[in-house]
Amino acid sequence: ALGEVQEIIDTCDFFTSEGRRLYGQTVPSEMPDKQLFTFRVPVGV
């Protein structure tokens, strides 16, 4: 049971850092004067 609670602590520790790494990406366009982006958005409920 102690190990199980530690798993929650470890999970919180991992995603605390992930809060500054919820990365999207920039993608090069095949056309001039145009930029492409991707974002992660929440699902909802």
ModelCIF file with pLDDT and N, C-alpha, C, O atoms, coordinates in Angstrom:
data_MODEL
#
_entry.id   MODEL 
#
_entity.id                         1 
_entity.type                       polymer 
_entity.pdbx_number_of_molecules   1 
#
_entity_poly.entity_id                      1 
_entity_poly.type                           'polypeptide(L)' 
_entity_poly.nstd_linkage                   no 
_entity_poly.nstd_monomer                   no 
_entity_poly.pdbx_seq_one_letter_code       ALGEVQEIIDTCDFFTSEGRRLYGQTVPSEMPDKQLFTFRVPVGV 
_entity_poly.pdbx_seq_one_letter_code_can   ALGEVQEIIDTCDFFTSEGRRLYGQTVPSEMPDKQLFTFRVPVGV 
_entity_poly.pdbx_strand_id                 A 
#
loop_
_entity_poly_seq.entity_id 
_entity_poly_seq.num 
_entity_poly_seq.mon_id 
_entity_poly_seq.hetero 
1 1  ALA n 
1 2  LEU n 
1 3  GLY n 
1 4  GLU n 
1 5  VAL n 
1 6  GLN n 
1 7  GLU n 
1 8  ILE n 
1 9  ILE n 
1 10 ASP n 
1 11 THR n 
1 12 CYS n 
1 13 ASP n 
1 14 PHE n 
1 15 PHE n 
1 16 THR n 
1 17 SER n 
1 18 GLU n 
1 19 GLY n 
1 20 ARG n 
1 21 ARG n 
1 22 LEU n 
1 23 TYR n 
1 24 GLY n 
1 25 GLN n 
1 26 THR n 
1 27 VAL n 
1 28 PRO n 
1 29 SER n 
1 30 GLU n 
1 31 MET n 
1 32 PRO n 
1 33 ASP n 
1 34 LYS n 
1 35 GLN n 
1 36 LEU n 
1 37 PHE n 
1 38 THR n 
1 39 PHE n 
1 40 ARG n 
1 41 VAL n 
1 42 PRO n 
1 43 VAL n 
1 44 GLY n 
1 45 VAL n 
#
_struct_asym.id          A 
_struct_asym.entity_id   1 
#
loop_
_ma_qa_metric.id 
_ma_qa_metric.mode 
_ma_qa_metric.name 
_ma_qa_metric.software_group_id 
_ma_qa_metric.type 
1 global pLDDT . pLDDT 
2 local  pLDDT . pLDDT 
#
_ma_qa_metric_global.metric_id      1 
_ma_qa_metric_global.metric_value   95.27 
_ma_qa_metric_global.model_id       1 
_ma_qa_metric_global.ordinal_id     1 
#
loop_
_ma_qa_metric_local.label_asym_id 
_ma_qa_metric_local.label_comp_id 
_ma_qa_metric_local.label_seq_id 
_ma_qa_metric_local.metric_id 
_ma_qa_metric_local.metric_value 
_ma_qa_metric_local.model_id 
_ma_qa_metric_local.ordinal_id 
A ALA 1  2 98.00 1 1  
A LEU 2  2 98.00 1 2  
A GLY 3  2 96.00 1 3  
A GLU 4  2 96.00 1 4  
A VAL 5  2 98.00 1 5  
A GLN 6  2 97.00 1 6  
A GLU 7  2 96.00 1 7  
A ILE 8  2 97.00 1 8  
A ILE 9  2 98.00 1 9  
A ASP 10 2 97.00 1 10 
A THR 11 2 97.00 1 11 
A CYS 12 2 97.00 1 12 
A ASP 13 2 97.00 1 13 
A PHE 14 2 96.00 1 14 
A PHE 15 2 97.00 1 15 
A THR 16 2 96.00 1 16 
A SER 17 2 93.00 1 17 
A GLU 18 2 93.00 1 18 
A GLY 19 2 92.00 1 19 
A ARG 20 2 92.00 1 20 
A ARG 21 2 92.00 1 21 
A LEU 22 2 92.00 1 22 
A TYR 23 2 92.00 1 23 
A GLY 24 2 91.00 1 24 
A GLN 25 2 91.00 1 25 
A THR 26 2 92.00 1 26 
A VAL 27 2 91.00 1 27 
A PRO 28 2 94.00 1 28 
A SER 29 2 94.00 1 29 
A GLU 30 2 93.00 1 30 
A MET 31 2 94.00 1 31 
A PRO 32 2 95.00 1 32 
A ASP 33 2 95.00 1 33 
A LYS 34 2 95.00 1 34 
A GLN 35 2 96.00 1 35 
A LEU 36 2 96.00 1 36 
A PHE 37 2 96.00 1 37 
A THR 38 2 96.00 1 38 
A PHE 39 2 96.00 1 39 
A ARG 40 2 96.00 1 40 
A VAL 41 2 97.00 1 41 
A PRO 42 2 98.00 1 42 
A VAL 43 2 98.00 1 43 
A GLY 44 2 98.00 1 44 
A VAL 45 2 98.00 1 45 
#
loop_
_atom_site.group_PDB 
_atom_site.id 
_atom_site.type_symbol 
_atom_site.label_atom_id 
_atom_site.label_alt_id 
_atom_site.label_comp_id 
_atom_site.label_asym_id 
_atom_site.label_entity_id 
_atom_site.label_seq_id 
_atom_site.pdbx_PDB_ins_code 
_atom_site.Cartn_x 
_atom_site.Cartn_y 
_atom_site.Cartn_z 
_atom_site.occupancy 
_atom_site.B_iso_or_equiv 
_atom_site.pdbx_formal_charge 
_atom_site.auth_seq_id 
_atom_site.auth_comp_id 
_atom_site.auth_asym_id 
_atom_site.auth_atom_id 
_atom_site.pdbx_PDB_model_num 
ATOM 1   N N  . ALA A 1 1  ? 0.830   -1.205 0.000   1.00 98.00 ? 1  ALA A N  1 
ATOM 2   C CA . ALA A 1 1  ? 0.000   0.000  0.000   1.00 98.00 ? 1  ALA A CA 1 
ATOM 3   C C  . ALA A 1 1  ? 0.862   1.252  0.000   1.00 98.00 ? 1  ALA A C  1 
ATOM 4   O O  . ALA A 1 1  ? 0.534   2.234  -0.666  1.00 98.00 ? 1  ALA A O  1 
ATOM 5   N N  . LEU A 1 2  ? 1.958   1.222  0.740   1.00 98.00 ? 2  LEU A N  1 
ATOM 6   C CA . LEU A 1 2  ? 2.895   2.350  0.709   1.00 98.00 ? 2  LEU A CA 1 
ATOM 7   C C  . LEU A 1 2  ? 3.444   2.546  -0.698  1.00 98.00 ? 2  LEU A C  1 
ATOM 8   O O  . LEU A 1 2  ? 3.570   3.676  -1.171  1.00 98.00 ? 2  LEU A O  1 
ATOM 9   N N  . GLY A 1 3  ? 3.770   1.445  -1.361  1.00 96.00 ? 3  GLY A N  1 
ATOM 10  C CA . GLY A 1 3  ? 4.252   1.536  -2.741  1.00 96.00 ? 3  GLY A CA 1 
ATOM 11  C C  . GLY A 1 3  ? 3.204   2.084  -3.679  1.00 96.00 ? 3  GLY A C  1 
ATOM 12  O O  . GLY A 1 3  ? 3.526   2.805  -4.623  1.00 96.00 ? 3  GLY A O  1 
ATOM 13  N N  . GLU A 1 4  ? 1.948   1.749  -3.427  1.00 96.00 ? 4  GLU A N  1 
ATOM 14  C CA . GLU A 1 4  ? 0.872   2.258  -4.275  1.00 96.00 ? 4  GLU A CA 1 
ATOM 15  C C  . GLU A 1 4  ? 0.735   3.770  -4.150  1.00 96.00 ? 4  GLU A C  1 
ATOM 16  O O  . GLU A 1 4  ? 0.573   4.466  -5.152  1.00 96.00 ? 4  GLU A O  1 
ATOM 17  N N  . VAL A 1 5  ? 0.801   4.278  -2.920  1.00 98.00 ? 5  VAL A N  1 
ATOM 18  C CA . VAL A 1 5  ? 0.727   5.728  -2.743  1.00 98.00 ? 5  VAL A CA 1 
ATOM 19  C C  . VAL A 1 5  ? 1.947   6.398  -3.358  1.00 98.00 ? 5  VAL A C  1 
ATOM 20  O O  . VAL A 1 5  ? 1.844   7.492  -3.912  1.00 98.00 ? 5  VAL A O  1 
ATOM 21  N N  . GLN A 1 6  ? 3.100   5.748  -3.262  1.00 97.00 ? 6  GLN A N  1 
ATOM 22  C CA . GLN A 1 6  ? 4.308   6.295  -3.895  1.00 97.00 ? 6  GLN A CA 1 
ATOM 23  C C  . GLN A 1 6  ? 4.125   6.427  -5.400  1.00 97.00 ? 6  GLN A C  1 
ATOM 24  O O  . GLN A 1 6  ? 4.677   7.338  -6.017  1.00 97.00 ? 6  GLN A O  1 
ATOM 25  N N  . GLU A 1 7  ? 3.350   5.517  -5.995  1.00 96.00 ? 7  GLU A N  1 
ATOM 26  C CA . GLU A 1 7  ? 3.082   5.603  -7.434  1.00 96.00 ? 7  GLU A CA 1 
ATOM 27  C C  . GLU A 1 7  ? 2.338   6.896  -7.783  1.00 96.00 ? 7  GLU A C  1 
ATOM 28  O O  . GLU A 1 7  ? 2.586   7.497  -8.829  1.00 96.00 ? 7  GLU A O  1 
ATOM 29  N N  . ILE A 1 8  ? 1.428   7.319  -6.907  1.00 97.00 ? 8  ILE A N  1 
ATOM 30  C CA . ILE A 1 8  ? 0.739   8.601  -7.134  1.00 97.00 ? 8  ILE A CA 1 
ATOM 31  C C  . ILE A 1 8  ? 1.749   9.745  -7.075  1.00 97.00 ? 8  ILE A C  1 
ATOM 32  O O  . ILE A 1 8  ? 1.737   10.640 -7.920  1.00 97.00 ? 8  ILE A O  1 
ATOM 33  N N  . ILE A 1 9  ? 2.616   9.707  -6.078  1.00 98.00 ? 9  ILE A N  1 
ATOM 34  C CA . ILE A 1 9  ? 3.629   10.754 -5.910  1.00 98.00 ? 9  ILE A CA 1 
ATOM 35  C C  . ILE A 1 9  ? 4.523   10.815 -7.139  1.00 98.00 ? 9  ILE A C  1 
ATOM 36  O O  . ILE A 1 9  ? 4.824   11.899 -7.639  1.00 98.00 ? 9  ILE A O  1 
ATOM 37  N N  . ASP A 1 10 ? 4.948   9.655  -7.627  1.00 97.00 ? 10 ASP A N  1 
ATOM 38  C CA . ASP A 1 10 ? 5.800   9.610  -8.821  1.00 97.00 ? 10 ASP A CA 1 
ATOM 39  C C  . ASP A 1 10 ? 5.057   10.146 -10.047 1.00 97.00 ? 10 ASP A C  1 
ATOM 40  O O  . ASP A 1 10 ? 5.638   10.847 -10.876 1.00 97.00 ? 10 ASP A O  1 
ATOM 41  N N  . THR A 1 11 ? 3.768   9.809  -10.156 1.00 97.00 ? 11 THR A N  1 
ATOM 42  C CA . THR A 1 11 ? 2.978   10.286 -11.287 1.00 97.00 ? 11 THR A CA 1 
ATOM 43  C C  . THR A 1 11 ? 2.833   11.800 -11.250 1.00 97.00 ? 11 THR A C  1 
ATOM 44  O O  . THR A 1 11 ? 2.957   12.465 -12.278 1.00 97.00 ? 11 THR A O  1 
ATOM 45  N N  . CYS A 1 12 ? 2.570   12.346 -10.064 1.00 97.00 ? 12 CYS A N  1 
ATOM 46  C CA . CYS A 1 12 ? 2.488   13.803 -9.922  1.00 97.00 ? 12 CYS A CA 1 
ATOM 47  C C  . CYS A 1 12 ? 3.824   14.457 -10.250 1.00 97.00 ? 12 CYS A C  1 
ATOM 48  O O  . CYS A 1 12 ? 3.872   15.512 -10.882 1.00 97.00 ? 12 CYS A O  1 
ATOM 49  N N  . ASP A 1 13 ? 4.903   13.824 -9.817  1.00 97.00 ? 13 ASP A N  1 
ATOM 50  C CA . ASP A 1 13 ? 6.236   14.369 -10.076 1.00 97.00 ? 13 ASP A CA 1 
ATOM 51  C C  . ASP A 1 13 ? 6.507   14.433 -11.573 1.00 97.00 ? 13 ASP A C  1 
ATOM 52  O O  . ASP A 1 13 ? 7.030   15.429 -12.074 1.00 97.00 ? 13 ASP A O  1 
ATOM 53  N N  . PHE A 1 14 ? 6.151   13.367 -12.283 1.00 96.00 ? 14 PHE A N  1 
ATOM 54  C CA . PHE A 1 14 ? 6.386   13.334 -13.732 1.00 96.00 ? 14 PHE A CA 1 
ATOM 55  C C  . PHE A 1 14 ? 5.581   14.419 -14.434 1.00 96.00 ? 14 PHE A C  1 
ATOM 56  O O  . PHE A 1 14 ? 6.117   15.153 -15.265 1.00 96.00 ? 14 PHE A O  1 
ATOM 57  N N  . PHE A 1 15 ? 4.289   14.524 -14.102 1.00 97.00 ? 15 PHE A N  1 
ATOM 58  C CA . PHE A 1 15 ? 3.440   15.449 -14.842 1.00 97.00 ? 15 PHE A CA 1 
ATOM 59  C C  . PHE A 1 15 ? 3.577   16.892 -14.368 1.00 97.00 ? 15 PHE A C  1 
ATOM 60  O O  . PHE A 1 15 ? 3.149   17.813 -15.063 1.00 97.00 ? 15 PHE A O  1 
ATOM 61  N N  . THR A 1 16 ? 4.164   17.097 -13.203 1.00 96.00 ? 16 THR A N  1 
ATOM 62  C CA . THR A 1 16 ? 4.532   18.462 -12.827 1.00 96.00 ? 16 THR A CA 1 
ATOM 63  C C  . THR A 1 16 ? 5.507   19.038 -13.844 1.00 96.00 ? 16 THR A C  1 
ATOM 64  O O  . THR A 1 16 ? 5.370   20.184 -14.271 1.00 96.00 ? 16 THR A O  1 
ATOM 65  N N  . SER A 1 17 ? 6.483   18.242 -14.223 1.00 93.00 ? 17 SER A N  1 
ATOM 66  C CA . SER A 1 17 ? 7.445   18.692 -15.236 1.00 93.00 ? 17 SER A CA 1 
ATOM 67  C C  . SER A 1 17 ? 6.812   18.765 -16.614 1.00 93.00 ? 17 SER A C  1 
ATOM 68  O O  . SER A 1 17 ? 7.156   19.631 -17.419 1.00 93.00 ? 17 SER A O  1 
ATOM 69  N N  . GLU A 1 18 ? 5.885   17.854 -16.883 1.00 93.00 ? 18 GLU A N  1 
ATOM 70  C CA . GLU A 1 18 ? 5.263   17.826 -18.210 1.00 93.00 ? 18 GLU A CA 1 
ATOM 71  C C  . GLU A 1 18 ? 4.429   19.076 -18.464 1.00 93.00 ? 18 GLU A C  1 
ATOM 72  O O  . GLU A 1 18 ? 4.122   19.400 -19.611 1.00 93.00 ? 18 GLU A O  1 
ATOM 73  N N  . GLY A 1 19 ? 4.064   19.778 -17.390 1.00 92.00 ? 19 GLY A N  1 
ATOM 74  C CA . GLY A 1 19 ? 3.310   21.014 -17.552 1.00 92.00 ? 19 GLY A CA 1 
ATOM 75  C C  . GLY A 1 19 ? 4.064   22.096 -18.299 1.00 92.00 ? 19 GLY A C  1 
ATOM 76  O O  . GLY A 1 19 ? 3.449   23.022 -18.827 1.00 92.00 ? 19 GLY A O  1 
ATOM 77  N N  . ARG A 1 20 ? 5.369   21.998 -18.352 1.00 92.00 ? 20 ARG A N  1 
ATOM 78  C CA . ARG A 1 20 ? 6.169   22.940 -19.146 1.00 92.00 ? 20 ARG A CA 1 
ATOM 79  C C  . ARG A 1 20 ? 6.666   22.307 -20.443 1.00 92.00 ? 20 ARG A C  1 
ATOM 80  O O  . ARG A 1 20 ? 7.507   22.873 -21.141 1.00 92.00 ? 20 ARG A O  1 
ATOM 81  N N  . ARG A 1 21 ? 6.129   21.119 -20.755 1.00 92.00 ? 21 ARG A N  1 
ATOM 82  C CA . ARG A 1 21 ? 6.557   20.426 -21.972 1.00 92.00 ? 21 ARG A CA 1 
ATOM 83  C C  . ARG A 1 21 ? 5.378   19.880 -22.750 1.00 92.00 ? 21 ARG A C  1 
ATOM 84  O O  . ARG A 1 21 ? 5.534   18.887 -23.461 1.00 92.00 ? 21 ARG A O  1 
ATOM 85  N N  . LEU A 1 22 ? 4.217   20.479 -22.649 1.00 92.00 ? 22 LEU A N  1 
ATOM 86  C CA . LEU A 1 22 ? 3.067   19.973 -23.390 1.00 92.00 ? 22 LEU A CA 1 
ATOM 87  C C  . LEU A 1 22 ? 3.209   20.434 -24.845 1.00 92.00 ? 22 LEU A C  1 
ATOM 88  O O  . LEU A 1 22 ? 2.465   21.280 -25.342 1.00 92.00 ? 22 LEU A O  1 
ATOM 89  N N  . TYR A 1 23 ? 4.199   19.832 -25.491 1.00 92.00 ? 23 TYR A N  1 
ATOM 90  C CA . TYR A 1 23 ? 4.687   20.348 -26.762 1.00 92.00 ? 23 TYR A CA 1 
ATOM 91  C C  . TYR A 1 23 ? 3.707   20.158 -27.910 1.00 92.00 ? 23 TYR A C  1 
ATOM 92  O O  . TYR A 1 23 ? 3.065   19.116 -28.038 1.00 92.00 ? 23 TYR A O  1 
ATOM 93  N N  . GLY A 1 24 ? 3.609   21.195 -28.747 1.00 91.00 ? 24 GLY A N  1 
ATOM 94  C CA . GLY A 1 24 ? 3.131   21.059 -30.111 1.00 91.00 ? 24 GLY A CA 1 
ATOM 95  C C  . GLY A 1 24 ? 4.357   21.114 -31.011 1.00 91.00 ? 24 GLY A C  1 
ATOM 96  O O  . GLY A 1 24 ? 5.485   20.971 -30.542 1.00 91.00 ? 24 GLY A O  1 
ATOM 97  N N  . GLN A 1 25 ? 4.133   21.323 -32.309 1.00 91.00 ? 25 GLN A N  1 
ATOM 98  C CA . GLN A 1 25 ? 5.250   21.380 -33.258 1.00 91.00 ? 25 GLN A CA 1 
ATOM 99  C C  . GLN A 1 25 ? 4.990   22.453 -34.304 1.00 91.00 ? 25 GLN A C  1 
ATOM 100 O O  . GLN A 1 25 ? 3.844   22.776 -34.617 1.00 91.00 ? 25 GLN A O  1 
ATOM 101 N N  . THR A 1 26 ? 6.076   22.999 -34.836 1.00 92.00 ? 26 THR A N  1 
ATOM 102 C CA . THR A 1 26 ? 5.976   23.803 -36.055 1.00 92.00 ? 26 THR A CA 1 
ATOM 103 C C  . THR A 1 26 ? 6.390   22.915 -37.218 1.00 92.00 ? 26 THR A C  1 
ATOM 104 O O  . THR A 1 26 ? 7.303   22.098 -37.098 1.00 92.00 ? 26 THR A O  1 
ATOM 105 N N  . VAL A 1 27 ? 5.706   23.086 -38.346 1.00 91.00 ? 27 VAL A N  1 
ATOM 106 C CA . VAL A 1 27 ? 5.927   22.240 -39.506 1.00 91.00 ? 27 VAL A CA 1 
ATOM 107 C C  . VAL A 1 27 ? 6.163   23.146 -40.710 1.00 91.00 ? 27 VAL A C  1 
ATOM 108 O O  . VAL A 1 27 ? 5.408   24.098 -40.906 1.00 91.00 ? 27 VAL A O  1 
ATOM 109 N N  . PRO A 1 28 ? 7.186   22.881 -41.522 1.00 94.00 ? 28 PRO A N  1 
ATOM 110 C CA . PRO A 1 28 ? 7.427   23.753 -42.682 1.00 94.00 ? 28 PRO A CA 1 
ATOM 111 C C  . PRO A 1 28 ? 6.326   23.609 -43.726 1.00 94.00 ? 28 PRO A C  1 
ATOM 112 O O  . PRO A 1 28 ? 5.825   22.515 -43.981 1.00 94.00 ? 28 PRO A O  1 
ATOM 113 N N  . SER A 1 29 ? 5.966   24.737 -44.319 1.00 94.00 ? 29 SER A N  1 
ATOM 114 C CA . SER A 1 29 ? 4.957   24.732 -45.382 1.00 94.00 ? 29 SER A CA 1 
ATOM 115 C C  . SER A 1 29 ? 5.629   24.566 -46.738 1.00 94.00 ? 29 SER A C  1 
ATOM 116 O O  . SER A 1 29 ? 6.807   24.883 -46.902 1.00 94.00 ? 29 SER A O  1 
ATOM 117 N N  . GLU A 1 30 ? 4.874   24.069 -47.703 1.00 93.00 ? 30 GLU A N  1 
ATOM 118 C CA . GLU A 1 30 ? 5.381   23.954 -49.065 1.00 93.00 ? 30 GLU A CA 1 
ATOM 119 C C  . GLU A 1 30 ? 5.220   25.263 -49.832 1.00 93.00 ? 30 GLU A C  1 
ATOM 120 O O  . GLU A 1 30 ? 5.580   25.340 -51.006 1.00 93.00 ? 30 GLU A O  1 
ATOM 121 N N  . MET A 1 31 ? 4.680   26.296 -49.176 1.00 94.00 ? 31 MET A N  1 
ATOM 122 C CA . MET A 1 31 ? 4.437   27.584 -49.823 1.00 94.00 ? 31 MET A CA 1 
ATOM 123 C C  . MET A 1 31 ? 5.157   28.699 -49.075 1.00 94.00 ? 31 MET A C  1 
ATOM 124 O O  . MET A 1 31 ? 5.380   28.596 -47.869 1.00 94.00 ? 31 MET A O  1 
ATOM 125 N N  . PRO A 1 32 ? 5.522   29.768 -49.787 1.00 95.00 ? 32 PRO A N  1 
ATOM 126 C CA . PRO A 1 32 ? 6.185   30.882 -49.116 1.00 95.00 ? 32 PRO A CA 1 
ATOM 127 C C  . PRO A 1 32 ? 5.209   31.685 -48.253 1.00 95.00 ? 32 PRO A C  1 
ATOM 128 O O  . PRO A 1 32 ? 3.998   31.649 -48.470 1.00 95.00 ? 32 PRO A O  1 
ATOM 129 N N  . ASP A 1 33 ? 5.748   32.399 -47.284 1.00 95.00 ? 33 ASP A N  1 
ATOM 130 C CA . ASP A 1 33 ? 4.950   33.287 -46.439 1.00 95.00 ? 33 ASP A CA 1 
ATOM 131 C C  . ASP A 1 33 ? 3.770   32.550 -45.796 1.00 95.00 ? 33 ASP A C  1 
ATOM 132 O O  . ASP A 1 33 ? 2.642   33.042 -45.773 1.00 95.00 ? 33 ASP A O  1 
ATOM 133 N N  . LYS A 1 34 ? 4.067   31.371 -45.283 1.00 95.00 ? 34 LYS A N  1 
ATOM 134 C CA . LYS A 1 34 ? 3.038   30.572 -44.639 1.00 95.00 ? 34 LYS A CA 1 
ATOM 135 C C  . LYS A 1 34 ? 3.690   29.708 -43.558 1.00 95.00 ? 34 LYS A C  1 
ATOM 136 O O  . LYS A 1 34 ? 4.741   29.112 -43.794 1.00 95.00 ? 34 LYS A O  1 
ATOM 137 N N  . GLN A 1 35 ? 3.073   29.635 -42.370 1.00 96.00 ? 35 GLN A N  1 
ATOM 138 C CA . GLN A 1 35 ? 3.597   28.828 -41.273 1.00 96.00 ? 35 GLN A CA 1 
ATOM 139 C C  . GLN A 1 35 ? 2.541   27.815 -40.826 1.00 96.00 ? 35 GLN A C  1 
ATOM 140 O O  . GLN A 1 35 ? 1.343   28.095 -40.841 1.00 96.00 ? 35 GLN A O  1 
ATOM 141 N N  . LEU A 1 36 ? 3.011   26.646 -40.433 1.00 96.00 ? 36 LEU A N  1 
ATOM 142 C CA . LEU A 1 36 ? 2.132   25.571 -39.973 1.00 96.00 ? 36 LEU A CA 1 
ATOM 143 C C  . LEU A 1 36 ? 2.455   25.224 -38.528 1.00 96.00 ? 36 LEU A C  1 
ATOM 144 O O  . LEU A 1 36 ? 3.623   25.183 -38.144 1.00 96.00 ? 36 LEU A O  1 
ATOM 145 N N  . PHE A 1 37 ? 1.428   24.975 -37.729 1.00 96.00 ? 37 PHE A N  1 
ATOM 146 C CA . PHE A 1 37 ? 1.596   24.702 -36.303 1.00 96.00 ? 37 PHE A CA 1 
ATOM 147 C C  . PHE A 1 37 ? 0.691   23.538 -35.886 1.00 96.00 ? 37 PHE A C  1 
ATOM 148 O O  . PHE A 1 37 ? -0.322  23.262 -36.529 1.00 96.00 ? 37 PHE A O  1 
ATOM 149 N N  . THR A 1 38 ? 1.068   22.878 -34.821 1.00 96.00 ? 38 THR A N  1 
ATOM 150 C CA . THR A 1 38 ? 0.181   21.894 -34.187 1.00 96.00 ? 38 THR A CA 1 
ATOM 151 C C  . THR A 1 38 ? 0.128   22.175 -32.689 1.00 96.00 ? 38 THR A C  1 
ATOM 152 O O  . THR A 1 38 ? 1.111   22.621 -32.096 1.00 96.00 ? 38 THR A O  1 
ATOM 153 N N  . PHE A 1 39 ? -1.023  21.910 -32.088 1.00 96.00 ? 39 PHE A N  1 
ATOM 154 C CA . PHE A 1 39 ? -1.238  22.159 -30.667 1.00 96.00 ? 39 PHE A CA 1 
ATOM 155 C C  . PHE A 1 39 ? -1.966  20.966 -30.049 1.00 96.00 ? 39 PHE A C  1 
ATOM 156 O O  . PHE A 1 39 ? -2.747  20.285 -30.713 1.00 96.00 ? 39 PHE A O  1 
ATOM 157 N N  . ARG A 1 40 ? -1.696  20.729 -28.774 1.00 96.00 ? 40 ARG A N  1 
ATOM 158 C CA . ARG A 1 40 ? -2.497  19.789 -27.997 1.00 96.00 ? 40 ARG A CA 1 
ATOM 159 C C  . ARG A 1 40 ? -3.603  20.575 -27.287 1.00 96.00 ? 40 ARG A C  1 
ATOM 160 O O  . ARG A 1 40 ? -3.324  21.561 -26.605 1.00 96.00 ? 40 ARG A O  1 
ATOM 161 N N  . VAL A 1 41 ? -4.834  20.148 -27.445 1.00 97.00 ? 41 VAL A N  1 
ATOM 162 C CA . VAL A 1 41 ? -5.949  20.796 -26.757 1.00 97.00 ? 41 VAL A CA 1 
ATOM 163 C C  . VAL A 1 41 ? -6.667  19.746 -25.915 1.00 97.00 ? 41 VAL A C  1 
ATOM 164 O O  . VAL A 1 41 ? -6.710  18.578 -26.302 1.00 97.00 ? 41 VAL A O  1 
ATOM 165 N N  . PRO A 1 42 ? -7.227  20.133 -24.777 1.00 98.00 ? 42 PRO A N  1 
ATOM 166 C CA . PRO A 1 42 ? -7.900  19.153 -23.916 1.00 98.00 ? 42 PRO A CA 1 
ATOM 167 C C  . PRO A 1 42 ? -9.108  18.530 -24.601 1.00 98.00 ? 42 PRO A C  1 
ATOM 168 O O  . PRO A 1 42 ? -9.762  19.155 -25.437 1.00 98.00 ? 42 PRO A O  1 
ATOM 169 N N  . VAL A 1 43 ? -9.384  17.301 -24.234 1.00 98.00 ? 43 VAL A N  1 
ATOM 170 C CA . VAL A 1 43 ? -10.544 16.593 -24.785 1.00 98.00 ? 43 VAL A CA 1 
ATOM 171 C C  . VAL A 1 43 ? -11.840 17.226 -24.299 1.00 98.00 ? 43 VAL A C  1 
ATOM 172 O O  . VAL A 1 43 ? -12.761 17.439 -25.087 1.00 98.00 ? 43 VAL A O  1 
ATOM 173 N N  . GLY A 1 44 ? -11.916 17.527 -23.005 1.00 98.00 ? 44 GLY A N  1 
ATOM 174 C CA . GLY A 1 44 ? -13.129 18.102 -22.428 1.00 98.00 ? 44 GLY A CA 1 
ATOM 175 C C  . GLY A 1 44 ? -13.445 17.473 -21.096 1.00 98.00 ? 44 GLY A C  1 
ATOM 176 O O  . GLY A 1 44 ? -12.768 17.741 -20.103 1.00 98.00 ? 44 GLY A O  1 
ATOM 177 N N  . VAL A 1 45 ? -14.473 16.634 -21.060 1.00 98.00 ? 45 VAL A N  1 
ATOM 178 C CA . VAL A 1 45 ? -14.875 15.930 -19.838 1.00 98.00 ? 45 VAL A CA 1 
ATOM 179 C C  . VAL A 1 45 ? -14.506 14.461 -19.984 1.00 98.00 ? 45 VAL A C  1 
ATOM 180 O O  . VAL A 1 45 ? -14.750 13.669 -19.074 1.00 98.00 ? 45 VAL A O  1 
#
